């Protein structure tokens, strides 16, 4: 445990950041889970709406520095690909 005044402050700041990052990641994962559930149930309209929400949340999470921007881009790309495949399957 930290003993110096500056180290104690640093520990407090780290804890606040950890909790903030944890909340952001949790929000992102929930949005992804909801989207994947819509894809599983073959609900195209709902999946498109959920994709827009998930994309926004993932991008915000990356913008805040919680996840790397390339990780965000990869997640968005893969989710978009899944929704597009669902659209193609429904139209065929």
PDB file of N, CA and C in Angstrom:
ATOM      1  N   UNK A   1       0.841  -1.189   0.000  1.00  0.00           N
ATOM      2  CA  UNK A   1       0.000   0.000   0.000  1.00  0.00           C
ATOM      3  C   UNK A   1       0.881   1.246   0.000  1.00  0.00           C
ATOM      4  N   UNK A   2       0.410   2.294  -0.620  1.00  0.00           N
ATOM      5  CA  UNK A   2       1.148   3.550  -0.720  1.00  0.00           C
ATOM      6  C   UNK A   2       1.273   4.229   0.643  1.00  0.00           C
ATOM      7  N   UNK A   3       2.403   4.900   0.844  1.00  0.00           N
ATOM      8  CA  UNK A   3       2.639   5.603   2.111  1.00  0.00           C
ATOM      9  C   UNK A   3       2.773   7.112   1.924  1.00  0.00           C
ATOM     10  N   UNK A   4       3.382   7.540   0.838  1.00  0.00           N
ATOM     11  CA  UNK A   4       3.581   8.970   0.596  1.00  0.00           C
ATOM     12  C   UNK A   4       2.275   9.621   0.163  1.00  0.00           C
ATOM     13  N   UNK A   5       2.177  10.903   0.442  1.00  0.00           N
ATOM     14  CA  UNK A   5       0.978  11.653   0.114  1.00  0.00           C
ATOM     15  C   UNK A   5       0.657  11.568  -1.384  1.00  0.00           C
ATOM     16  N   UNK A   6       1.667  11.732  -2.213  1.00  0.00           N
ATOM     17  CA  UNK A   6       1.472  11.700  -3.668  1.00  0.00           C
ATOM     18  C   UNK A   6       1.081  10.296  -4.138  1.00  0.00           C
ATOM     19  N   UNK A   7       1.647   9.286  -3.505  1.00  0.00           N
ATOM     20  CA  UNK A   7       1.336   7.903  -3.867  1.00  0.00           C
ATOM     21  C   UNK A   7      -0.091   7.538  -3.456  1.00  0.00           C
ATOM     22  N   UNK A   8      -0.537   8.074  -2.324  1.00  0.00           N
ATOM     23  CA  UNK A   8      -1.912   7.839  -1.879  1.00  0.00           C
ATOM     24  C   UNK A   8      -2.905   8.470  -2.865  1.00  0.00           C
ATOM     25  N   UNK A   9      -2.587   9.695  -3.297  1.00  0.00           N
ATOM     26  CA  UNK A   9      -3.445  10.375  -4.271  1.00  0.00           C
ATOM     27  C   UNK A   9      -3.471   9.588  -5.576  1.00  0.00           C
ATOM     28  N   UNK A  10      -2.312   9.129  -5.997  1.00  0.00           N
ATOM     29  CA  UNK A  10      -2.208   8.352  -7.239  1.00  0.00           C
ATOM     30  C   UNK A  10      -3.060   7.082  -7.137  1.00  0.00           C
ATOM     31  N   UNK A  11      -3.052   6.445  -5.991  1.00  0.00           N
ATOM     32  CA  UNK A  11      -3.842   5.226  -5.776  1.00  0.00           C
ATOM     33  C   UNK A  11      -5.336   5.541  -5.873  1.00  0.00           C
ATOM     34  N   UNK A  12      -5.743   6.680  -5.291  1.00  0.00           N
ATOM     35  CA  UNK A  12      -7.154   7.082  -5.380  1.00  0.00           C
ATOM     36  C   UNK A  12      -7.546   7.349  -6.826  1.00  0.00           C
ATOM     37  N   UNK A  13      -6.695   8.057  -7.547  1.00  0.00           N
ATOM     38  CA  UNK A  13      -6.982   8.375  -8.949  1.00  0.00           C
ATOM     39  C   UNK A  13      -7.086   7.104  -9.797  1.00  0.00           C
ATOM     40  N   UNK A  14      -6.177   6.183  -9.545  1.00  0.00           N
ATOM     41  CA  UNK A  14      -6.179   4.919 -10.289  1.00  0.00           C
ATOM     42  C   UNK A  14      -7.467   4.144 -10.058  1.00  0.00           C
ATOM     43  N   UNK A  15      -7.932   4.148  -8.820  1.00  0.00           N
ATOM     44  CA  UNK A  15      -9.166   3.432  -8.478  1.00  0.00           C
ATOM     45  C   UNK A  15     -10.371   4.057  -9.184  1.00  0.00           C
ATOM     46  N   UNK A  16     -10.424   5.385  -9.201  1.00  0.00           N
ATOM     47  CA  UNK A  16     -11.519   6.086  -9.882  1.00  0.00           C
ATOM     48  C   UNK A  16     -11.503   5.749 -11.365  1.00  0.00           C
ATOM     49  N   UNK A  17     -10.324   5.795 -11.975  1.00  0.00           N
ATOM     50  CA  UNK A  17     -10.196   5.481 -13.408  1.00  0.00           C
ATOM     51  C   UNK A  17     -10.576   4.035 -13.706  1.00  0.00           C
ATOM     52  N   UNK A  18     -10.150   3.137 -12.806  1.00  0.00           N
ATOM     53  CA  UNK A  18     -10.461   1.709 -12.986  1.00  0.00           C
ATOM     54  C   UNK A  18     -11.965   1.485 -13.001  1.00  0.00           C
ATOM     55  N   UNK A  19     -12.652   2.113 -12.058  1.00  0.00           N
ATOM     56  CA  UNK A  19     -14.103   1.948 -11.984  1.00  0.00           C
ATOM     57  C   UNK A  19     -14.799   2.576 -13.201  1.00  0.00           C
ATOM     58  N   UNK A  20     -14.296   3.727 -13.651  1.00  0.00           N
ATOM     59  CA  UNK A  20     -14.868   4.391 -14.817  1.00  0.00           C
ATOM     60  C   UNK A  20     -14.676   3.522 -16.069  1.00  0.00           C
ATOM     61  N   UNK A  21     -13.473   2.989 -16.240  1.00  0.00           N
ATOM     62  CA  UNK A  21     -13.189   2.127 -17.392  1.00  0.00           C
ATOM     63  C   UNK A  21     -14.025   0.855 -17.341  1.00  0.00           C
ATOM     64  N   UNK A  22     -14.186   0.326 -16.146  1.00  0.00           N
ATOM     65  CA  UNK A  22     -14.973  -0.888 -15.962  1.00  0.00           C
ATOM     66  C   UNK A  22     -16.431  -0.667 -16.379  1.00  0.00           C
ATOM     67  N   UNK A  23     -16.971   0.499 -15.994  1.00  0.00           N
ATOM     68  CA  UNK A  23     -18.352   0.834 -16.355  1.00  0.00           C
ATOM     69  C   UNK A  23     -18.489   0.986 -17.870  1.00  0.00           C
ATOM     70  N   UNK A  24     -17.521   1.639 -18.485  1.00  0.00           N
ATOM     71  CA  UNK A  24     -17.564   1.831 -19.940  1.00  0.00           C
ATOM     72  C   UNK A  24     -17.494   0.497 -20.673  1.00  0.00           C
ATOM     73  N   UNK A  25     -16.577  -0.375 -20.226  1.00  0.00           N
ATOM     74  CA  UNK A  25     -16.447  -1.689 -20.873  1.00  0.00           C
ATOM     75  C   UNK A  25     -17.710  -2.514 -20.699  1.00  0.00           C
ATOM     76  N   UNK A  26     -18.304  -2.437 -19.514  1.00  0.00           N
ATOM     77  CA  UNK A  26     -19.527  -3.171 -19.230  1.00  0.00           C
ATOM     78  C   UNK A  26     -20.657  -2.704 -20.141  1.00  0.00           C
ATOM     79  N   UNK A  27     -20.772  -1.386 -20.303  1.00  0.00           N
ATOM     80  CA  UNK A  27     -21.798  -0.801 -21.178  1.00  0.00           C
ATOM     81  C   UNK A  27     -21.597  -1.279 -22.617  1.00  0.00           C
ATOM     82  N   UNK A  28     -20.349  -1.315 -23.042  1.00  0.00           N
ATOM     83  CA  UNK A  28     -20.018  -1.752 -24.397  1.00  0.00           C
ATOM     84  C   UNK A  28     -20.388  -3.234 -24.591  1.00  0.00           C
ATOM     85  N   UNK A  29     -20.001  -4.051 -23.635  1.00  0.00           N
ATOM     86  CA  UNK A  29     -20.278  -5.486 -23.734  1.00  0.00           C
ATOM     87  C   UNK A  29     -21.779  -5.769 -23.741  1.00  0.00           C
ATOM     88  N   UNK A  30     -22.543  -5.001 -22.952  1.00  0.00           N
ATOM     89  CA  UNK A  30     -23.997  -5.164 -22.914  1.00  0.00           C
ATOM     90  C   UNK A  30     -24.604  -4.831 -24.271  1.00  0.00           C
ATOM     91  N   UNK A  31     -24.142  -3.757 -24.882  1.00  0.00           N
ATOM     92  CA  UNK A  31     -24.646  -3.353 -26.202  1.00  0.00           C
ATOM     93  C   UNK A  31     -24.342  -4.434 -27.242  1.00  0.00           C
ATOM     94  N   UNK A  32     -23.144  -5.001 -27.167  1.00  0.00           N
ATOM     95  CA  UNK A  32     -22.755  -6.064 -28.103  1.00  0.00           C
ATOM     96  C   UNK A  32     -23.623  -7.298 -27.876  1.00  0.00           C
ATOM     97  N   UNK A  33     -23.858  -7.639 -26.615  1.00  0.00           N
ATOM     98  CA  UNK A  33     -24.672  -8.799 -26.274  1.00  0.00           C
ATOM     99  C   UNK A  33     -26.101  -8.643 -26.809  1.00  0.00           C
ATOM    100  N   UNK A  34     -26.672  -7.449 -26.657  1.00  0.00           N
ATOM    101  CA  UNK A  34     -28.026  -7.191 -27.159  1.00  0.00           C
ATOM    102  C   UNK A  34     -28.080  -7.315 -28.674  1.00  0.00           C
ATOM    103  N   UNK A  35     -27.050  -6.815 -29.350  1.00  0.00           N
ATOM    104  CA  UNK A  35     -26.977  -6.919 -30.810  1.00  0.00           C
ATOM    105  C   UNK A  35     -26.888  -8.373 -31.241  1.00  0.00           C
ATOM    106  N   UNK A  36     -26.030  -9.129 -30.597  1.00  0.00           N
ATOM    107  CA  UNK A  36     -25.866 -10.538 -30.960  1.00  0.00           C
ATOM    108  C   UNK A  36     -27.142 -11.334 -30.692  1.00  0.00           C
ATOM    109  N   UNK A  37     -27.885 -10.949 -29.676  1.00  0.00           N
ATOM    110  CA  UNK A  37     -29.171 -11.602 -29.393  1.00  0.00           C
ATOM    111  C   UNK A  37     -30.161 -11.311 -30.520  1.00  0.00           C
ATOM    112  N   UNK A  38     -30.176 -10.078 -31.000  1.00  0.00           N
ATOM    113  CA  UNK A  38     -31.052  -9.709 -32.124  1.00  0.00           C
ATOM    114  C   UNK A  38     -30.665 -10.481 -33.380  1.00  0.00           C
ATOM    115  N   UNK A  39     -29.378 -10.681 -33.582  1.00  0.00           N
ATOM    116  CA  UNK A  39     -28.902 -11.443 -34.746  1.00  0.00           C
ATOM    117  C   UNK A  39     -29.332 -12.905 -34.619  1.00  0.00           C
ATOM    118  N   UNK A  40     -29.191 -13.446 -33.405  1.00  0.00           N
ATOM    119  CA  UNK A  40     -29.567 -14.847 -33.173  1.00  0.00           C
ATOM    120  C   UNK A  40     -31.042 -15.102 -33.432  1.00  0.00           C
ATOM    121  N   UNK A  41     -31.889 -14.110 -33.103  1.00  0.00           N
ATOM    122  CA  UNK A  41     -33.330 -14.279 -33.302  1.00  0.00           C
ATOM    123  C   UNK A  41     -33.779 -13.880 -34.708  1.00  0.00           C
ATOM    124  N   UNK A  42     -32.820 -13.538 -35.574  1.00  0.00           N
ATOM    125  CA  UNK A  42     -33.089 -13.155 -36.973  1.00  0.00           C
ATOM    126  C   UNK A  42     -33.995 -11.930 -37.098  1.00  0.00           C
ATOM    127  N   UNK A  43     -33.891 -11.002 -36.141  1.00  0.00           N
ATOM    128  CA  UNK A  43     -34.666  -9.760 -36.184  1.00  0.00           C
ATOM    129  C   UNK A  43     -33.814  -8.691 -36.879  1.00  0.00           C
ATOM    130  N   UNK A  44     -34.010  -8.551 -38.190  1.00  0.00           N
ATOM    131  CA  UNK A  44     -33.165  -7.663 -38.994  1.00  0.00           C
ATOM    132  C   UNK A  44     -33.314  -6.209 -38.571  1.00  0.00           C
ATOM    133  N   UNK A  45     -34.548  -5.733 -38.455  1.00  0.00           N
ATOM    134  CA  UNK A  45     -34.781  -4.328 -38.106  1.00  0.00           C
ATOM    135  C   UNK A  45     -34.186  -3.990 -36.743  1.00  0.00           C
ATOM    136  N   UNK A  46     -34.398  -4.864 -35.784  1.00  0.00           N
ATOM    137  CA  UNK A  46     -33.863  -4.645 -34.442  1.00  0.00           C
ATOM    138  C   UNK A  46     -32.332  -4.693 -34.471  1.00  0.00           C
ATOM    139  N   UNK A  47     -31.777  -5.608 -35.253  1.00  0.00           N
ATOM    140  CA  UNK A  47     -30.324  -5.743 -35.348  1.00  0.00           C
ATOM    141  C   UNK A  47     -29.691  -4.471 -35.917  1.00  0.00           C
ATOM    142  N   UNK A  48     -30.350  -3.866 -36.906  1.00  0.00           N
ATOM    143  CA  UNK A  48     -29.826  -2.636 -37.505  1.00  0.00           C
ATOM    144  C   UNK A  48     -29.810  -1.503 -36.469  1.00  0.00           C
ATOM    145  N   UNK A  49     -30.879  -1.399 -35.689  1.00  0.00           N
ATOM    146  CA  UNK A  49     -30.952  -0.373 -34.638  1.00  0.00           C
ATOM    147  C   UNK A  49     -29.895  -0.634 -33.576  1.00  0.00           C
ATOM    148  N   UNK A  50     -29.782  -1.882 -33.148  1.00  0.00           N
ATOM    149  CA  UNK A  50     -28.801  -2.256 -32.124  1.00  0.00           C
ATOM    150  C   UNK A  50     -27.375  -2.036 -32.619  1.00  0.00           C
ATOM    151  N   UNK A  51     -27.144  -2.266 -33.910  1.00  0.00           N
ATOM    152  CA  UNK A  51     -25.813  -2.053 -34.479  1.00  0.00           C
ATOM    153  C   UNK A  51     -25.432  -0.578 -34.382  1.00  0.00           C
ATOM    154  N   UNK A  52     -26.373   0.303 -34.703  1.00  0.00           N
ATOM    155  CA  UNK A  52     -26.100   1.742 -34.621  1.00  0.00           C
ATOM    156  C   UNK A  52     -25.741   2.137 -33.187  1.00  0.00           C
ATOM    157  N   UNK A  53     -26.494   1.605 -32.224  1.00  0.00           N
ATOM    158  CA  UNK A  53     -26.223   1.904 -30.809  1.00  0.00           C
ATOM    159  C   UNK A  53     -24.858   1.354 -30.377  1.00  0.00           C
ATOM    160  N   UNK A  54     -24.614   0.091 -30.732  1.00  0.00           N
ATOM    161  CA  UNK A  54     -23.363  -0.566 -30.338  1.00  0.00           C
ATOM    162  C   UNK A  54     -22.156   0.142 -30.959  1.00  0.00           C
ATOM    163  N   UNK A  55     -22.277   0.530 -32.232  1.00  0.00           N
ATOM    164  CA  UNK A  55     -21.182   1.215 -32.914  1.00  0.00           C
ATOM    165  C   UNK A  55     -20.842   2.515 -32.192  1.00  0.00           C
ATOM    166  N   UNK A  56     -21.863   3.263 -31.819  1.00  0.00           N
ATOM    167  CA  UNK A  56     -21.670   4.523 -31.113  1.00  0.00           C
ATOM    168  C   UNK A  56     -20.975   4.300 -29.769  1.00  0.00           C
ATOM    169  N   UNK A  57     -21.442   3.335 -29.016  1.00  0.00           N
ATOM    170  CA  UNK A  57     -20.881   3.061 -27.693  1.00  0.00           C
ATOM    171  C   UNK A  57     -19.433   2.574 -27.802  1.00  0.00           C
ATOM    172  N   UNK A  58     -19.161   1.705 -28.773  1.00  0.00           N
ATOM    173  CA  UNK A  58     -17.795   1.190 -28.957  1.00  0.00           C
ATOM    174  C   UNK A  58     -16.855   2.335 -29.341  1.00  0.00           C
ATOM    175  N   UNK A  59     -17.298   3.192 -30.243  1.00  0.00           N
ATOM    176  CA  UNK A  59     -16.475   4.326 -30.672  1.00  0.00           C
ATOM    177  C   UNK A  59     -16.191   5.276 -29.507  1.00  0.00           C
ATOM    178  N   UNK A  60     -17.200   5.518 -28.673  1.00  0.00           N
ATOM    179  CA  UNK A  60     -17.016   6.392 -27.510  1.00  0.00           C
ATOM    180  C   UNK A  60     -16.037   5.772 -26.515  1.00  0.00           C
ATOM    181  N   UNK A  61     -16.140   4.470 -26.328  1.00  0.00           N
ATOM    182  CA  UNK A  61     -15.242   3.771 -25.411  1.00  0.00           C
ATOM    183  C   UNK A  61     -13.795   3.903 -25.884  1.00  0.00           C
ATOM    184  N   UNK A  62     -13.594   3.800 -27.190  1.00  0.00           N
ATOM    185  CA  UNK A  62     -12.246   3.950 -27.746  1.00  0.00           C
ATOM    186  C   UNK A  62     -11.777   5.397 -27.646  1.00  0.00           C
ATOM    187  N   UNK A  63     -12.680   6.340 -27.886  1.00  0.00           N
ATOM    188  CA  UNK A  63     -12.321   7.760 -27.830  1.00  0.00           C
ATOM    189  C   UNK A  63     -11.870   8.167 -26.432  1.00  0.00           C
ATOM    190  N   UNK A  64     -12.434   7.541 -25.427  1.00  0.00           N
ATOM    191  CA  UNK A  64     -12.062   7.842 -24.043  1.00  0.00           C
ATOM    192  C   UNK A  64     -10.766   7.150 -23.639  1.00  0.00           C
ATOM    193  N   UNK A  65     -10.280   6.245 -24.482  1.00  0.00           N
ATOM    194  CA  UNK A  65      -9.014   5.568 -24.197  1.00  0.00           C
ATOM    195  C   UNK A  65      -9.155   4.291 -23.396  1.00  0.00           C
ATOM    196  N   UNK A  66     -10.377   3.847 -23.183  1.00  0.00           N
ATOM    197  CA  UNK A  66     -10.589   2.615 -22.418  1.00  0.00           C
ATOM    198  C   UNK A  66     -10.154   1.393 -23.216  1.00  0.00           C
ATOM    199  N   UNK A  67     -10.457   1.407 -24.517  1.00  0.00           N
ATOM    200  CA  UNK A  67      -9.968   0.353 -25.406  1.00  0.00           C
ATOM    201  C   UNK A  67      -9.199   1.019 -26.545  1.00  0.00           C
ATOM    202  N   UNK A  68      -8.358   0.267 -27.219  1.00  0.00           N
ATOM    203  CA  UNK A  68      -7.569   0.801 -28.326  1.00  0.00           C
ATOM    204  C   UNK A  68      -8.468   1.043 -29.527  1.00  0.00           C
ATOM    205  N   UNK A  69      -8.142   2.044 -30.320  1.00  0.00           N
ATOM    206  CA  UNK A  69      -8.988   2.382 -31.473  1.00  0.00           C
ATOM    207  C   UNK A  69      -9.039   1.268 -32.505  1.00  0.00           C
ATOM    208  N   UNK A  70      -7.957   0.504 -32.641  1.00  0.00           N
ATOM    209  CA  UNK A  70      -7.973  -0.620 -33.583  1.00  0.00           C
ATOM    210  C   UNK A  70      -8.876  -1.746 -33.085  1.00  0.00           C
ATOM    211  N   UNK A  71      -8.907  -1.938 -31.784  1.00  0.00           N
ATOM    212  CA  UNK A  71      -9.807  -2.933 -31.190  1.00  0.00           C
ATOM    213  C   UNK A  71     -11.251  -2.542 -31.464  1.00  0.00           C
ATOM    214  N   UNK A  72     -11.538  -1.255 -31.299  1.00  0.00           N
ATOM    215  CA  UNK A  72     -12.891  -0.747 -31.561  1.00  0.00           C
ATOM    216  C   UNK A  72     -13.252  -0.947 -33.030  1.00  0.00           C
ATOM    217  N   UNK A  73     -12.337  -0.623 -33.914  1.00  0.00           N
ATOM    218  CA  UNK A  73     -12.583  -0.766 -35.349  1.00  0.00           C
ATOM    219  C   UNK A  73     -12.836  -2.226 -35.710  1.00  0.00           C
ATOM    220  N   UNK A  74     -12.073  -3.122 -35.104  1.00  0.00           N
ATOM    221  CA  UNK A  74     -12.240  -4.555 -35.367  1.00  0.00           C
ATOM    222  C   UNK A  74     -13.612  -5.042 -34.891  1.00  0.00           C
ATOM    223  N   UNK A  75     -14.005  -4.639 -33.692  1.00  0.00           N
ATOM    224  CA  UNK A  75     -15.308  -5.044 -33.156  1.00  0.00           C
ATOM    225  C   UNK A  75     -16.451  -4.523 -34.021  1.00  0.00           C
ATOM    226  N   UNK A  76     -16.378  -3.233 -34.390  1.00  0.00           N
ATOM    227  CA  UNK A  76     -17.415  -2.623 -35.222  1.00  0.00           C
ATOM    228  C   UNK A  76     -17.498  -3.337 -36.566  1.00  0.00           C
ATOM    229  N   UNK A  77     -16.338  -3.624 -37.153  1.00  0.00           N
ATOM    230  CA  UNK A  77     -16.284  -4.293 -38.447  1.00  0.00           C
ATOM    231  C   UNK A  77     -16.931  -5.679 -38.394  1.00  0.00           C
ATOM    232  N   UNK A  78     -16.599  -6.437 -37.376  1.00  0.00           N
ATOM    233  CA  UNK A  78     -17.131  -7.800 -37.255  1.00  0.00           C
ATOM    234  C   UNK A  78     -18.635  -7.800 -37.006  1.00  0.00           C
ATOM    235  N   UNK A  79     -19.096  -6.866 -36.185  1.00  0.00           N
ATOM    236  CA  UNK A  79     -20.534  -6.786 -35.911  1.00  0.00           C
ATOM    237  C   UNK A  79     -21.300  -6.350 -37.158  1.00  0.00           C
ATOM    238  N   UNK A  80     -20.750  -5.386 -37.886  1.00  0.00           N
ATOM    239  CA  UNK A  80     -21.377  -4.918 -39.123  1.00  0.00           C
ATOM    240  C   UNK A  80     -21.471  -6.053 -40.134  1.00  0.00           C
ATOM    241  N   UNK A  81     -20.410  -6.834 -40.216  1.00  0.00           N
ATOM    242  CA  UNK A  81     -20.370  -7.980 -41.127  1.00  0.00           C
ATOM    243  C   UNK A  81     -21.478  -8.980 -40.782  1.00  0.00           C
ATOM    244  N   UNK A  82     -21.662  -9.242 -39.489  1.00  0.00           N
ATOM    245  CA  UNK A  82     -22.717 -10.172 -39.050  1.00  0.00           C
ATOM    246  C   UNK A  82     -24.100  -9.666 -39.434  1.00  0.00           C
ATOM    247  N   UNK A  83     -24.343  -8.358 -39.214  1.00  0.00           N
ATOM    248  CA  UNK A  83     -25.649  -7.781 -39.541  1.00  0.00           C
ATOM    249  C   UNK A  83     -25.879  -7.817 -41.046  1.00  0.00           C
ATOM    250  N   UNK A  84     -24.849  -7.508 -41.819  1.00  0.00           N
ATOM    251  CA  UNK A  84     -24.979  -7.545 -43.277  1.00  0.00           C
ATOM    252  C   UNK A  84     -25.264  -8.955 -43.783  1.00  0.00           C
ATOM    253  N   UNK A  85     -24.643  -9.945 -43.168  1.00  0.00           N
ATOM    254  CA  UNK A  85     -24.903 -11.345 -43.542  1.00  0.00           C
ATOM    255  C   UNK A  85     -26.350 -11.719 -43.218  1.00  0.00           C
ATOM    256  N   UNK A  86     -26.852 -11.189 -42.103  1.00  0.00           N
ATOM    257  CA  UNK A  86     -28.248 -11.430 -41.712  1.00  0.00           C
ATOM    258  C   UNK A  86     -29.194 -10.817 -42.739  1.00  0.00           C
ATOM    259  N   UNK A  87     -28.871  -9.606 -43.177  1.00  0.00           N
ATOM    260  CA  UNK A  87     -29.701  -8.929 -44.203  1.00  0.00           C
ATOM    261  C   UNK A  87     -29.739  -9.745 -45.483  1.00  0.00           C
ATOM    262  N   UNK A  88     -28.590 -10.241 -45.918  1.00  0.00           N
ATOM    263  CA  UNK A  88     -28.500 -11.038 -47.142  1.00  0.00           C
ATOM    264  C   UNK A  88     -29.299 -12.327 -47.006  1.00  0.00           C
ATOM    265  N   UNK A  89     -29.182 -12.959 -45.840  1.00  0.00           N
ATOM    266  CA  UNK A  89     -29.915 -14.208 -45.595  1.00  0.00           C
ATOM    267  C   UNK A  89     -31.429 -13.963 -45.611  1.00  0.00           C
ATOM    268  N   UNK A  90     -31.865 -12.839 -45.085  1.00  0.00           N
ATOM    269  CA  UNK A  90     -33.303 -12.519 -45.060  1.00  0.00           C
ATOM    270  C   UNK A  90     -33.840 -12.197 -46.446  1.00  0.00           C
ATOM    271  N   UNK A  91     -33.039 -11.509 -47.267  1.00  0.00           N
ATOM    272  CA  UNK A  91     -33.514 -11.122 -48.601  1.00  0.00           C
ATOM    273  C   UNK A  91     -33.483 -12.288 -49.579  1.00  0.00           C
ATOM    274  N   UNK A  92     -32.681 -13.295 -49.287  1.00  0.00           N
ATOM    275  CA  UNK A  92     -32.559 -14.447 -50.205  1.00  0.00           C
ATOM    276  C   UNK A  92     -33.706 -15.433 -50.052  1.00  0.00           C
TER     277      UNK A  92
END
